[in-house]
């Protein structure tokens, strides 16, 4: 059985997803971490961070690594608790621009339990 994917308007993403994305882009680590379930995992650039303490460390490190602007350019729903947000980034990182897919899984309390970031 294949997973169904439905395009959605970016305005229709769950509030917790847009709050995380805004906080991440603003380098507001406390607000970003507050959107996560305690046992959440984040996978970015081939590394997985487990739990809010490890994710906080990753967010703090990435917030000082590069300067960029992000524009939310697309969204998909893969089920009642799974969403993908596509952001276009431009900045001082290698390549200078990229479209990244942020794949979110939400738990029963509508917190982010899993996030995978990849091109």
N, C-alpha and C. Protein backbone atom coordinates (compact mmCIF):
# COMPACT_ATOMS: atom_id res chain seq x y z
N UNK A 1 0.84 -1.18 0.00
CA UNK A 1 0.00 0.00 0.00
C UNK A 1 0.89 1.24 0.00
N UNK A 2 0.61 2.18 -0.88
CA UNK A 2 1.41 3.39 -0.95
C UNK A 2 0.77 4.49 -0.12
N UNK A 3 1.63 5.37 0.37
CA UNK A 3 1.15 6.48 1.16
C UNK A 3 0.55 7.54 0.25
N UNK A 4 -0.60 8.06 0.63
CA UNK A 4 -1.24 9.10 -0.16
C UNK A 4 -0.64 10.45 0.19
N UNK A 5 -0.39 11.24 -0.82
CA UNK A 5 0.16 12.58 -0.64
C UNK A 5 -0.80 13.57 -1.26
N UNK A 6 -1.21 14.55 -0.46
CA UNK A 6 -2.12 15.59 -0.93
C UNK A 6 -1.45 16.95 -0.79
N UNK A 7 -1.36 17.72 -1.88
CA UNK A 7 -0.85 19.08 -1.73
C UNK A 7 -1.81 19.88 -0.86
N UNK A 8 -1.27 20.74 -0.02
CA UNK A 8 -2.10 21.62 0.80
C UNK A 8 -1.53 23.03 0.70
N UNK A 9 -2.39 23.98 0.91
CA UNK A 9 -1.95 25.37 0.96
C UNK A 9 -1.06 25.52 2.20
N UNK A 10 0.03 26.27 2.07
CA UNK A 10 0.93 26.43 3.21
C UNK A 10 0.21 27.02 4.42
N UNK A 11 -0.85 27.78 4.19
CA UNK A 11 -1.63 28.35 5.29
C UNK A 11 -2.40 27.28 6.05
N UNK A 12 -2.54 26.09 5.46
CA UNK A 12 -3.29 25.01 6.10
C UNK A 12 -2.40 24.01 6.84
N UNK A 13 -1.10 24.28 6.92
CA UNK A 13 -0.24 23.43 7.74
C UNK A 13 -0.65 23.57 9.20
N UNK A 14 -0.46 22.54 10.00
CA UNK A 14 -0.78 22.66 11.43
C UNK A 14 0.01 23.80 12.07
N UNK A 15 -0.59 24.44 13.02
CA UNK A 15 0.01 25.59 13.69
C UNK A 15 1.37 25.23 14.29
N UNK A 16 1.52 24.05 14.85
CA UNK A 16 2.78 23.65 15.46
C UNK A 16 3.91 23.58 14.42
N UNK A 17 3.59 23.20 13.21
CA UNK A 17 4.58 23.14 12.14
C UNK A 17 5.02 24.54 11.75
N UNK A 18 4.08 25.44 11.54
CA UNK A 18 4.46 26.81 11.15
C UNK A 18 5.16 27.52 12.30
N UNK A 19 4.77 27.24 13.55
CA UNK A 19 5.46 27.84 14.70
C UNK A 19 6.91 27.37 14.75
N UNK A 20 7.13 26.06 14.53
CA UNK A 20 8.50 25.54 14.51
C UNK A 20 9.31 26.22 13.40
N UNK A 21 8.76 26.26 12.19
CA UNK A 21 9.49 26.83 11.06
C UNK A 21 9.84 28.30 11.31
N UNK A 22 8.89 29.08 11.83
CA UNK A 22 9.16 30.49 12.14
C UNK A 22 10.26 30.60 13.19
N UNK A 23 10.17 29.79 14.23
CA UNK A 23 11.17 29.84 15.30
C UNK A 23 12.54 29.43 14.79
N UNK A 24 12.58 28.36 13.99
CA UNK A 24 13.85 27.90 13.44
C UNK A 24 14.49 28.99 12.59
N UNK A 25 13.70 29.61 11.71
CA UNK A 25 14.22 30.65 10.84
C UNK A 25 14.66 31.88 11.62
N UNK A 26 13.98 32.18 12.74
CA UNK A 26 14.33 33.33 13.56
C UNK A 26 15.44 33.02 14.57
N UNK A 27 15.91 31.77 14.57
CA UNK A 27 16.95 31.32 15.50
C UNK A 27 16.47 31.43 16.95
N UNK A 28 15.17 31.22 17.14
CA UNK A 28 14.53 31.23 18.46
C UNK A 28 14.49 29.79 18.96
N UNK A 29 15.58 29.36 19.56
CA UNK A 29 15.75 27.97 19.96
C UNK A 29 14.69 27.55 20.98
N UNK A 30 14.39 28.39 21.95
CA UNK A 30 13.43 28.03 23.00
C UNK A 30 12.05 27.75 22.42
N UNK A 31 11.59 28.59 21.51
CA UNK A 31 10.28 28.38 20.90
C UNK A 31 10.28 27.14 20.02
N UNK A 32 11.35 26.93 19.26
CA UNK A 32 11.43 25.73 18.41
C UNK A 32 11.37 24.47 19.27
N UNK A 33 12.14 24.42 20.35
CA UNK A 33 12.16 23.24 21.23
C UNK A 33 10.80 23.02 21.88
N UNK A 34 10.08 24.10 22.18
CA UNK A 34 8.77 23.98 22.82
C UNK A 34 7.74 23.29 21.93
N UNK A 35 7.99 23.19 20.63
CA UNK A 35 7.05 22.53 19.72
C UNK A 35 7.26 21.01 19.69
N UNK A 36 8.32 20.52 20.33
CA UNK A 36 8.73 19.13 20.22
C UNK A 36 8.21 18.26 21.36
N UNK A 37 7.91 17.02 21.04
CA UNK A 37 7.65 16.02 22.07
C UNK A 37 8.98 15.73 22.78
N UNK A 38 8.96 15.35 24.05
CA UNK A 38 10.21 15.10 24.79
C UNK A 38 11.11 14.06 24.13
N UNK A 39 10.54 13.06 23.48
CA UNK A 39 11.32 11.99 22.86
C UNK A 39 11.51 12.20 21.36
N UNK A 40 11.32 13.42 20.89
CA UNK A 40 11.40 13.73 19.46
C UNK A 40 12.77 13.39 18.88
N UNK A 41 12.77 13.16 17.56
CA UNK A 41 14.02 13.00 16.83
C UNK A 41 14.03 13.98 15.66
N UNK A 42 15.22 14.49 15.37
CA UNK A 42 15.43 15.34 14.21
C UNK A 42 16.60 14.75 13.43
N UNK A 43 16.42 14.58 12.13
CA UNK A 43 17.49 14.12 11.26
C UNK A 43 17.78 15.23 10.27
N UNK A 44 19.04 15.65 10.25
CA UNK A 44 19.47 16.72 9.35
C UNK A 44 20.89 16.43 8.91
N UNK A 45 21.14 16.55 7.64
CA UNK A 45 22.49 16.38 7.09
C UNK A 45 23.11 15.03 7.49
N UNK A 46 22.26 13.98 7.51
CA UNK A 46 22.73 12.64 7.80
C UNK A 46 22.91 12.29 9.26
N UNK A 47 22.62 13.23 10.15
CA UNK A 47 22.76 12.97 11.58
C UNK A 47 21.39 13.03 12.25
N UNK A 48 21.19 12.15 13.24
CA UNK A 48 19.93 12.12 13.98
C UNK A 48 20.18 12.56 15.41
N UNK A 49 19.33 13.46 15.89
CA UNK A 49 19.40 13.99 17.25
C UNK A 49 18.15 13.50 17.99
N UNK A 50 18.35 12.89 19.15
CA UNK A 50 17.24 12.28 19.90
C UNK A 50 17.03 13.00 21.22
N UNK A 51 15.77 13.42 21.46
CA UNK A 51 15.43 14.10 22.70
C UNK A 51 15.67 15.60 22.59
N UNK A 52 14.95 16.35 23.43
CA UNK A 52 15.00 17.80 23.31
C UNK A 52 16.36 18.39 23.67
N UNK A 53 17.12 17.77 24.56
CA UNK A 53 18.44 18.31 24.91
C UNK A 53 19.38 18.23 23.69
N UNK A 54 19.40 17.10 23.02
CA UNK A 54 20.25 16.95 21.84
C UNK A 54 19.78 17.86 20.71
N UNK A 55 18.47 17.98 20.55
CA UNK A 55 17.93 18.84 19.49
C UNK A 55 18.24 20.30 19.80
N UNK A 56 18.14 20.68 21.07
CA UNK A 56 18.49 22.06 21.46
C UNK A 56 19.95 22.35 21.06
N UNK A 57 20.86 21.43 21.34
CA UNK A 57 22.26 21.62 20.97
C UNK A 57 22.44 21.77 19.47
N UNK A 58 21.73 20.95 18.69
CA UNK A 58 21.79 21.04 17.23
C UNK A 58 21.27 22.40 16.77
N UNK A 59 20.13 22.84 17.32
CA UNK A 59 19.56 24.13 16.93
C UNK A 59 20.51 25.28 17.28
N UNK A 60 21.12 25.22 18.45
CA UNK A 60 22.05 26.28 18.84
C UNK A 60 23.24 26.33 17.89
N UNK A 61 23.74 25.17 17.51
CA UNK A 61 24.89 25.12 16.59
C UNK A 61 24.51 25.62 15.20
N UNK A 62 23.38 25.16 14.68
CA UNK A 62 23.00 25.56 13.32
C UNK A 62 22.62 27.03 13.26
N UNK A 63 22.18 27.61 14.39
CA UNK A 63 21.77 29.01 14.37
C UNK A 63 22.95 29.96 14.19
N UNK A 64 24.16 29.50 14.47
CA UNK A 64 25.33 30.36 14.31
C UNK A 64 26.17 29.99 13.09
N UNK A 65 25.84 28.88 12.46
CA UNK A 65 26.66 28.37 11.37
C UNK A 65 26.53 29.18 10.08
N UNK A 66 25.29 29.51 9.68
CA UNK A 66 25.06 30.21 8.42
C UNK A 66 24.01 31.29 8.61
N UNK A 67 24.04 32.26 7.69
CA UNK A 67 23.01 33.28 7.61
C UNK A 67 22.22 33.02 6.33
N UNK A 68 20.90 33.03 6.44
CA UNK A 68 20.08 32.72 5.27
C UNK A 68 18.69 33.30 5.43
N UNK A 69 17.97 33.37 4.33
CA UNK A 69 16.55 33.67 4.34
C UNK A 69 15.82 32.42 3.90
N UNK A 70 14.62 32.23 4.43
CA UNK A 70 13.82 31.05 4.08
C UNK A 70 12.43 31.51 3.66
N UNK A 71 11.94 30.90 2.59
CA UNK A 71 10.60 31.18 2.10
C UNK A 71 9.85 29.86 1.99
N UNK A 72 8.72 29.77 2.65
CA UNK A 72 7.88 28.58 2.58
C UNK A 72 7.20 28.56 1.22
N UNK A 73 7.54 27.56 0.39
CA UNK A 73 7.07 27.55 -1.00
C UNK A 73 6.11 26.41 -1.33
N UNK A 74 5.91 25.47 -0.41
CA UNK A 74 5.00 24.37 -0.71
C UNK A 74 4.73 23.52 0.52
N UNK A 75 3.67 22.72 0.43
CA UNK A 75 3.31 21.86 1.55
C UNK A 75 2.51 20.66 1.04
N UNK A 76 2.65 19.56 1.77
CA UNK A 76 1.91 18.33 1.46
C UNK A 76 1.44 17.69 2.76
N UNK A 77 0.34 16.96 2.65
CA UNK A 77 -0.15 16.17 3.78
C UNK A 77 -0.07 14.71 3.36
N UNK A 78 0.49 13.89 4.24
CA UNK A 78 0.65 12.46 3.96
C UNK A 78 -0.23 11.61 4.86
N UNK A 79 -1.12 12.24 5.60
CA UNK A 79 -2.01 11.57 6.54
C UNK A 79 -2.35 12.57 7.63
N UNK A 80 -3.14 12.15 8.61
CA UNK A 80 -3.59 13.10 9.63
C UNK A 80 -2.47 13.63 10.53
N UNK A 81 -1.34 12.94 10.57
CA UNK A 81 -0.26 13.35 11.47
C UNK A 81 1.08 13.53 10.76
N UNK A 82 1.07 13.59 9.42
CA UNK A 82 2.32 13.68 8.65
C UNK A 82 2.22 14.78 7.59
N UNK A 83 3.20 15.66 7.63
CA UNK A 83 3.21 16.81 6.73
C UNK A 83 4.62 17.06 6.23
N UNK A 84 4.72 17.61 5.03
CA UNK A 84 5.99 18.08 4.50
C UNK A 84 5.84 19.55 4.15
N UNK A 85 6.80 20.35 4.61
CA UNK A 85 6.88 21.76 4.25
C UNK A 85 8.14 21.93 3.41
N UNK A 86 8.02 22.65 2.31
CA UNK A 86 9.18 22.90 1.45
C UNK A 86 9.57 24.37 1.60
N UNK A 87 10.83 24.57 1.96
CA UNK A 87 11.33 25.93 2.13
C UNK A 87 12.47 26.17 1.15
N UNK A 88 12.47 27.34 0.55
CA UNK A 88 13.56 27.76 -0.32
C UNK A 88 14.49 28.63 0.53
N UNK A 89 15.75 28.20 0.65
CA UNK A 89 16.75 28.93 1.43
C UNK A 89 17.77 29.57 0.51
N UNK A 90 18.15 30.80 0.84
CA UNK A 90 19.24 31.49 0.16
C UNK A 90 20.12 32.09 1.23
N UNK A 91 21.45 31.86 1.09
CA UNK A 91 22.35 32.39 2.11
C UNK A 91 23.80 32.12 1.83
N UNK A 92 24.60 32.15 2.90
CA UNK A 92 26.05 32.02 2.78
C UNK A 92 26.55 30.60 3.02
N UNK A 93 25.71 29.61 2.80
CA UNK A 93 26.10 28.21 2.90
C UNK A 93 26.59 27.72 1.54
N UNK A 94 27.29 26.59 1.48
CA UNK A 94 27.78 26.08 0.19
C UNK A 94 26.63 25.93 -0.82
N UNK A 95 26.82 26.49 -1.99
CA UNK A 95 25.79 26.44 -3.04
C UNK A 95 24.92 27.67 -3.05
N UNK A 96 24.74 28.32 -1.90
CA UNK A 96 24.01 29.58 -1.83
C UNK A 96 22.51 29.52 -1.84
N UNK A 97 21.93 28.44 -2.38
CA UNK A 97 20.48 28.29 -2.35
C UNK A 97 20.11 26.82 -2.46
N UNK A 98 18.97 26.48 -1.85
CA UNK A 98 18.51 25.10 -1.86
C UNK A 98 17.03 25.07 -1.47
N UNK A 99 16.31 24.10 -1.98
CA UNK A 99 14.96 23.81 -1.52
C UNK A 99 15.06 22.63 -0.57
N UNK A 100 14.63 22.82 0.67
CA UNK A 100 14.68 21.75 1.67
C UNK A 100 13.27 21.29 2.00
N UNK A 101 13.13 19.98 2.19
CA UNK A 101 11.87 19.37 2.60
C UNK A 101 11.98 19.08 4.09
N UNK A 102 11.04 19.61 4.85
CA UNK A 102 10.94 19.37 6.29
C UNK A 102 9.77 18.40 6.47
N UNK A 103 10.09 17.15 6.78
CA UNK A 103 9.06 16.11 6.92
C UNK A 103 8.73 15.94 8.40
N UNK A 104 7.52 16.30 8.77
CA UNK A 104 7.08 16.30 10.16
C UNK A 104 6.15 15.13 10.44
N UNK A 105 6.31 14.53 11.61
CA UNK A 105 5.34 13.59 12.17
C UNK A 105 4.91 14.17 13.50
N UNK A 106 3.60 14.24 13.72
CA UNK A 106 3.05 14.79 14.96
C UNK A 106 2.56 13.66 15.85
N UNK A 107 2.66 13.86 17.17
CA UNK A 107 2.15 12.86 18.11
C UNK A 107 0.68 13.16 18.44
N UNK A 108 0.12 12.41 19.35
CA UNK A 108 -1.30 12.56 19.69
C UNK A 108 -1.62 13.92 20.32
N UNK A 109 -0.63 14.55 20.95
CA UNK A 109 -0.83 15.88 21.54
C UNK A 109 -0.52 17.00 20.54
N UNK A 110 -0.30 16.62 19.28
CA UNK A 110 0.00 17.56 18.19
C UNK A 110 1.33 18.28 18.42
N UNK A 111 2.28 17.55 19.02
CA UNK A 111 3.66 18.02 19.11
C UNK A 111 4.47 17.33 18.02
N UNK A 112 5.59 17.89 17.67
CA UNK A 112 6.45 17.28 16.66
C UNK A 112 7.21 16.13 17.31
N UNK A 113 6.99 14.92 16.79
CA UNK A 113 7.70 13.75 17.33
C UNK A 113 8.86 13.34 16.43
N UNK A 114 8.80 13.73 15.17
CA UNK A 114 9.87 13.39 14.24
C UNK A 114 9.95 14.48 13.17
N UNK A 115 11.19 14.84 12.83
CA UNK A 115 11.44 15.79 11.76
C UNK A 115 12.65 15.31 10.98
N UNK A 116 12.48 15.21 9.67
CA UNK A 116 13.59 14.86 8.79
C UNK A 116 13.73 16.00 7.80
N UNK A 117 14.94 16.56 7.70
CA UNK A 117 15.22 17.68 6.82
C UNK A 117 16.16 17.18 5.73
N UNK A 118 15.75 17.34 4.47
CA UNK A 118 16.57 16.86 3.35
C UNK A 118 16.17 17.62 2.10
N UNK A 119 17.09 17.69 1.12
CA UNK A 119 16.74 18.31 -0.17
C UNK A 119 15.62 17.55 -0.87
